[in-house]
Amino acid sequence: MENIGFYSRADDYFDDNAGGAVERAYEWVENSIVTRPARLNKFQTSLVNGLLESGFDPDNGFTFDHVQGTKIGGSTLNELGIRHGAVELLNNANP
Protein backbone atom coordinates (compact mmCIF):
# COMPACT_ATOMS: atom_id res chain seq x y z
CA MET A 1 0.00 0.00 0.00
CA GLU A 2 1.23 3.47 -0.75
CA ASN A 3 -0.44 6.55 0.69
CA ILE A 4 1.25 9.90 1.36
CA GLY A 5 4.63 8.26 1.72
CA PHE A 6 3.64 5.37 4.03
CA TYR A 7 4.35 1.87 2.76
CA SER A 8 3.15 -1.42 4.17
CA ARG A 9 2.42 -4.86 2.79
CA ALA A 10 -1.14 -6.19 2.49
CA ASP A 11 -2.57 -8.69 4.95
CA ASP A 12 -2.02 -12.43 4.67
CA TYR A 13 -5.44 -13.02 3.07
CA PHE A 14 -4.37 -10.97 0.05
CA ASP A 15 -1.03 -12.76 -0.17
CA ASP A 16 -2.63 -16.19 0.11
CA ASN A 17 -5.13 -15.45 -2.66
CA ALA A 18 -3.00 -13.47 -5.09
CA GLY A 19 -0.58 -16.11 -6.29
CA GLY A 20 3.13 -16.82 -5.94
CA ALA A 21 4.55 -13.64 -7.42
CA VAL A 22 3.40 -11.40 -4.57
CA GLU A 23 6.48 -11.85 -2.38
CA ARG A 24 8.82 -11.07 -5.28
CA ALA A 25 6.71 -8.01 -6.17
CA TYR A 26 6.91 -6.71 -2.61
CA GLU A 27 10.68 -7.14 -2.58
CA TRP A 28 10.99 -5.40 -5.96
CA VAL A 29 8.98 -2.38 -4.76
CA GLU A 30 10.87 -2.24 -1.45
CA ASN A 31 14.24 -2.37 -3.22
CA SER A 32 13.15 0.25 -5.76
CA ILE A 33 11.34 3.07 -3.95
CA VAL A 34 10.84 2.25 -0.26
CA THR A 35 13.12 3.36 2.55
CA ARG A 36 13.28 2.54 6.20
CA PRO A 37 13.01 5.76 8.22
CA ALA A 38 16.38 6.48 9.86
CA ARG A 39 14.66 8.03 12.86
CA LEU A 40 11.26 9.29 13.87
CA ASN A 41 10.58 12.97 14.30
CA LYS A 42 8.97 14.34 17.47
CA PHE A 43 5.44 14.17 16.08
CA GLN A 44 5.85 10.55 14.94
CA THR A 45 7.38 9.53 18.28
CA SER A 46 4.51 11.20 20.14
CA LEU A 47 1.95 9.50 17.89
CA VAL A 48 3.47 6.04 18.42
CA ASN A 49 3.66 6.58 22.18
CA GLY A 50 0.07 7.85 22.26
CA LEU A 51 -1.18 4.84 20.33
CA LEU A 52 0.62 2.46 22.67
CA GLU A 53 -0.70 4.25 25.77
CA SER A 54 -4.22 4.03 24.27
CA GLY A 55 -3.97 0.25 23.97
CA PHE A 56 -2.96 -0.19 20.33
CA ASP A 57 -0.51 -2.93 21.13
CA PRO A 58 1.70 -4.80 20.70
CA ASP A 59 4.54 -2.51 19.72
CA ASN A 60 5.80 -4.20 16.55
CA GLY A 61 8.66 -1.76 15.91
CA PHE A 62 9.71 -1.51 12.27
CA THR A 63 8.08 -3.93 9.86
CA PHE A 64 6.64 -3.94 6.35
CA ASP A 65 4.18 -6.66 7.39
CA HIS A 66 0.48 -6.02 7.96
CA VAL A 67 0.20 -6.67 11.69
CA GLN A 68 -2.16 -5.78 14.49
CA GLY A 69 -0.95 -3.14 16.91
CA THR A 70 1.45 -0.27 16.46
CA LYS A 71 4.28 -0.33 13.95
CA ILE A 72 6.70 1.79 12.00
CA GLY A 73 6.33 1.09 8.30
CA GLY A 74 8.37 1.99 5.28
CA SER A 75 8.30 5.28 3.48
CA THR A 76 8.38 6.38 -0.13
CA LEU A 77 10.04 9.57 1.08
CA ASN A 78 13.82 9.37 1.17
CA GLU A 79 16.03 10.84 3.90
CA LEU A 80 15.83 14.26 2.19
CA GLY A 81 12.02 14.19 2.11
CA ILE A 82 11.86 13.58 -1.63
CA ARG A 83 8.93 11.35 -2.57
CA HIS A 84 9.56 8.38 -4.83
CA GLY A 85 6.34 7.47 -6.61
CA ALA A 86 5.18 4.31 -8.28
CA VAL A 87 6.15 5.75 -11.68
CA GLU A 88 9.79 5.23 -10.64
CA LEU A 89 9.21 1.48 -10.62
CA LEU A 90 9.53 1.69 -14.41
CA ASN A 91 13.23 2.42 -13.91
CA ASN A 92 13.66 -1.12 -12.56
CA ALA A 93 11.13 -2.88 -14.78
CA ASN A 94 12.04 -5.87 -16.88
CA PRO A 95 10.43 -5.23 -20.28
C-alpha atoms as a PDB file:
ATOM      1  CA  MET A   1       0.000   0.000   0.000  1.00  0.00           C
ATOM      2  CA  GLU A   2       1.234   3.468  -0.751  1.00  0.00           C
ATOM      3  CA  ASN A   3      -0.439   6.550   0.691  1.00  0.00           C
ATOM      4  CA  ILE A   4       1.248   9.900   1.362  1.00  0.00           C
ATOM      5  CA  GLY A   5       4.630   8.262   1.720  1.00  0.00           C
ATOM      6  CA  PHE A   6       3.644   5.368   4.032  1.00  0.00           C
ATOM      7  CA  TYR A   7       4.352   1.870   2.759  1.00  0.00           C
ATOM      8  CA  SER A   8       3.152  -1.424   4.173  1.00  0.00           C
ATOM      9  CA  ARG A   9       2.425  -4.862   2.790  1.00  0.00           C
ATOM     10  CA  ALA A  10      -1.139  -6.187   2.487  1.00  0.00           C
ATOM     11  CA  ASP A  11      -2.570  -8.688   4.952  1.00  0.00           C
ATOM     12  CA  ASP A  12      -2.020 -12.433   4.668  1.00  0.00           C
ATOM     13  CA  TYR A  13      -5.437 -13.016   3.072  1.00  0.00           C
ATOM     14  CA  PHE A  14      -4.373 -10.972   0.048  1.00  0.00           C
ATOM     15  CA  ASP A  15      -1.030 -12.757  -0.172  1.00  0.00           C
ATOM     16  CA  ASP A  16      -2.625 -16.188   0.114  1.00  0.00           C
ATOM     17  CA  ASN A  17      -5.135 -15.451  -2.655  1.00  0.00           C
ATOM     18  CA  ALA A  18      -3.002 -13.465  -5.092  1.00  0.00           C
ATOM     19  CA  GLY A  19      -0.579 -16.106  -6.289  1.00  0.00           C
ATOM     20  CA  GLY A  20       3.126 -16.819  -5.938  1.00  0.00           C
ATOM     21  CA  ALA A  21       4.547 -13.636  -7.424  1.00  0.00           C
ATOM     22  CA  VAL A  22       3.401 -11.401  -4.567  1.00  0.00           C
ATOM     23  CA  GLU A  23       6.482 -11.850  -2.380  1.00  0.00           C
ATOM     24  CA  ARG A  24       8.818 -11.067  -5.283  1.00  0.00           C
ATOM     25  CA  ALA A  25       6.711  -8.006  -6.175  1.00  0.00           C
ATOM     26  CA  TYR A  26       6.910  -6.706  -2.607  1.00  0.00           C
ATOM     27  CA  GLU A  27      10.681  -7.141  -2.578  1.00  0.00           C
ATOM     28  CA  TRP A  28      10.986  -5.397  -5.955  1.00  0.00           C
ATOM     29  CA  VAL A  29       8.981  -2.375  -4.757  1.00  0.00           C
ATOM     30  CA  GLU A  30      10.869  -2.245  -1.451  1.00  0.00           C
ATOM     31  CA  ASN A  31      14.235  -2.365  -3.216  1.00  0.00           C
ATOM     32  CA  SER A  32      13.148   0.247  -5.755  1.00  0.00           C
ATOM     33  CA  ILE A  33      11.345   3.070  -3.954  1.00  0.00           C
ATOM     34  CA  VAL A  34      10.838   2.254  -0.260  1.00  0.00           C
ATOM     35  CA  THR A  35      13.119   3.359   2.549  1.00  0.00           C
ATOM     36  CA  ARG A  36      13.275   2.539   6.204  1.00  0.00           C
ATOM     37  CA  PRO A  37      13.014   5.756   8.216  1.00  0.00           C
ATOM     38  CA  ALA A  38      16.379   6.476   9.857  1.00  0.00           C
ATOM     39  CA  ARG A  39      14.657   8.029  12.862  1.00  0.00           C
ATOM     40  CA  LEU A  40      11.258   9.286  13.870  1.00  0.00           C
ATOM     41  CA  ASN A  41      10.579  12.974  14.296  1.00  0.00           C
ATOM     42  CA  LYS A  42       8.971  14.344  17.469  1.00  0.00           C
ATOM     43  CA  PHE A  43       5.442  14.165  16.079  1.00  0.00           C
ATOM     44  CA  GLN A  44       5.853  10.555  14.944  1.00  0.00           C
ATOM     45  CA  THR A  45       7.377   9.530  18.281  1.00  0.00           C
ATOM     46  CA  SER A  46       4.509  11.203  20.135  1.00  0.00           C
ATOM     47  CA  LEU A  47       1.954   9.502  17.894  1.00  0.00           C
ATOM     48  CA  VAL A  48       3.469   6.039  18.420  1.00  0.00           C
ATOM     49  CA  ASN A  49       3.659   6.582  22.182  1.00  0.00           C
ATOM     50  CA  GLY A  50       0.067   7.851  22.263  1.00  0.00           C
ATOM     51  CA  LEU A  51      -1.181   4.837  20.328  1.00  0.00           C
ATOM     52  CA  LEU A  52       0.619   2.465  22.672  1.00  0.00           C
ATOM     53  CA  GLU A  53      -0.703   4.251  25.766  1.00  0.00           C
ATOM     54  CA  SER A  54      -4.219   4.025  24.267  1.00  0.00           C
ATOM     55  CA  GLY A  55      -3.974   0.250  23.970  1.00  0.00           C
ATOM     56  CA  PHE A  56      -2.964  -0.187  20.327  1.00  0.00           C
ATOM     57  CA  ASP A  57      -0.514  -2.930  21.128  1.00  0.00           C
ATOM     58  CA  PRO A  58       1.702  -4.797  20.700  1.00  0.00           C
ATOM     59  CA  ASP A  59       4.542  -2.512  19.718  1.00  0.00           C
ATOM     60  CA  ASN A  60       5.805  -4.204  16.547  1.00  0.00           C
ATOM     61  CA  GLY A  61       8.661  -1.760  15.914  1.00  0.00           C
ATOM     62  CA  PHE A  62       9.706  -1.514  12.272  1.00  0.00           C
ATOM     63  CA  THR A  63       8.079  -3.932   9.861  1.00  0.00           C
ATOM     64  CA  PHE A  64       6.639  -3.942   6.354  1.00  0.00           C
ATOM     65  CA  ASP A  65       4.184  -6.664   7.390  1.00  0.00           C
ATOM     66  CA  HIS A  66       0.485  -6.021   7.962  1.00  0.00           C
ATOM     67  CA  VAL A  67       0.199  -6.667  11.691  1.00  0.00           C
ATOM     68  CA  GLN A  68      -2.159  -5.775  14.488  1.00  0.00           C
ATOM     69  CA  GLY A  69      -0.955  -3.140  16.914  1.00  0.00           C
ATOM     70  CA  THR A  70       1.452  -0.268  16.459  1.00  0.00           C
ATOM     71  CA  LYS A  71       4.279  -0.326  13.954  1.00  0.00           C
ATOM     72  CA  ILE A  72       6.704   1.790  12.003  1.00  0.00           C
ATOM     73  CA  GLY A  73       6.333   1.085   8.299  1.00  0.00           C
ATOM     74  CA  GLY A  74       8.373   1.987   5.277  1.00  0.00           C
ATOM     75  CA  SER A  75       8.300   5.280   3.477  1.00  0.00           C
ATOM     76  CA  THR A  76       8.380   6.375  -0.126  1.00  0.00           C
ATOM     77  CA  LEU A  77      10.044   9.570   1.082  1.00  0.00           C
ATOM     78  CA  ASN A  78      13.824   9.368   1.172  1.00  0.00           C
ATOM     79  CA  GLU A  79      16.031  10.844   3.904  1.00  0.00           C
ATOM     80  CA  LEU A  80      15.828  14.257   2.191  1.00  0.00           C
ATOM     81  CA  GLY A  81      12.020  14.194   2.111  1.00  0.00           C
ATOM     82  CA  ILE A  82      11.855  13.577  -1.634  1.00  0.00           C
ATOM     83  CA  ARG A  83       8.935  11.348  -2.575  1.00  0.00           C
ATOM     84  CA  HIS A  84       9.563   8.375  -4.829  1.00  0.00           C
ATOM     85  CA  GLY A  85       6.339   7.472  -6.609  1.00  0.00           C
ATOM     86  CA  ALA A  86       5.180   4.307  -8.279  1.00  0.00           C
ATOM     87  CA  VAL A  87       6.154   5.745 -11.679  1.00  0.00           C
ATOM     88  CA  GLU A  88       9.787   5.230 -10.642  1.00  0.00           C
ATOM     89  CA  LEU A  89       9.210   1.485 -10.618  1.00  0.00           C
ATOM     90  CA  LEU A  90       9.529   1.691 -14.406  1.00  0.00           C
ATOM     91  CA  ASN A  91      13.227   2.416 -13.914  1.00  0.00           C
ATOM     92  CA  ASN A  92      13.659  -1.123 -12.556  1.00  0.00           C
ATOM     93  CA  ALA A  93      11.133  -2.879 -14.779  1.00  0.00           C
ATOM     94  CA  ASN A  94      12.036  -5.873 -16.882  1.00  0.00           C
ATOM     95  CA  PRO A  95      10.434  -5.233 -20.276  1.00  0.00           C
END
